[in-house]
C-alpha cells in the first residue's frame, strides 16, 4: 500500500458512513420523526394524569397527530411518518373509547411492536431479513443484497436480529405493566421507552452497515445497461447506413 492509498480508502470509508447515516436518517425520520412518534402519547398520558378524563386525553392526542400532518403538508415535506402516527393514535383512541378503558389507548401500539419484533426475527430466520427489505430501496440496491452481496445480507441479518431483540425486550416490560399497572404508570413507562430503544437499534444498524460492503446500485446498473443498449443500437444504425451508402455507390459505379 502506498502513502496515497490509505487516505483514499479512508475517504471512501467516510463516504460510505455518511451515505449510511443519511439513509438511516431518511428511513427512520430523524429527530422530527421521533418527536412525531412521542408527542401524541406524551400529551395523552400528561392530560390523563392530571384530570383522568379519557375523552379529553384521546381527542388531544388525535388532534396533535393531525396537526403534525397538516404542518408536514404545509411544508410540502414527506408525510409517511406523521401519517403512521395518526393511524396509530386513531386505532388507540377508537379502542380505548369502545372499551372505556384508557389503558387500551396503548394496546394497538404494543401489539404492533410485538408483531414487528417477531417479523424481524422470523424474516431473518427465513433468509430475507426485514431490515434489508426496508433499507434496500433507500440504498438503491433493492434485493441485490440477497444473492449478489452476501456481506451486506449478513449485516442486514444482524441489524434485524438487533431490532427484533430490542422490540421484544420492550414488549416483555410493557405487557406485564398493561395488566398490573394503572394507565398513568403504563403511559409514562411507554413514553420513556420510546426513544432510547429506538436510538440503540438505529445505532446498531449503523454499526453493522458501516462495516458491510457497499450497496450495489441497481438503478445505476439499469441506467448503464440502457445507455449501452442505446449506443449499440446507434452504432448498428450507423453501420447499416454506411453499408447502404456503400451499396448505393457500387450500383452507381456499375
Foldseek 3Di string as FASTA:
>chain_A
DDPVVVVVVVVVLVVQLVLLVVLLCVLQVHPLLLCLQQVLLVQLLVVCVVPVDLVVSLVVSLVVLVVSQVVCVVVVHDCPSSVVSNVLSVVLSVQCVVVVASLSSCVVVLVVLLVLLVQQQVCLVVQRGPQCCRRCVSLQQHCCCSPPFVQQSVLSNVLSNLSSVLSVVVSVVQPVCSVVPGNSVSSVVVSVSRPPSVVVSSVSSSVSSSPGDRGDNVVVVVVVVVVVVVVVVVVVVVVVVVVVVVVVVVVVVD
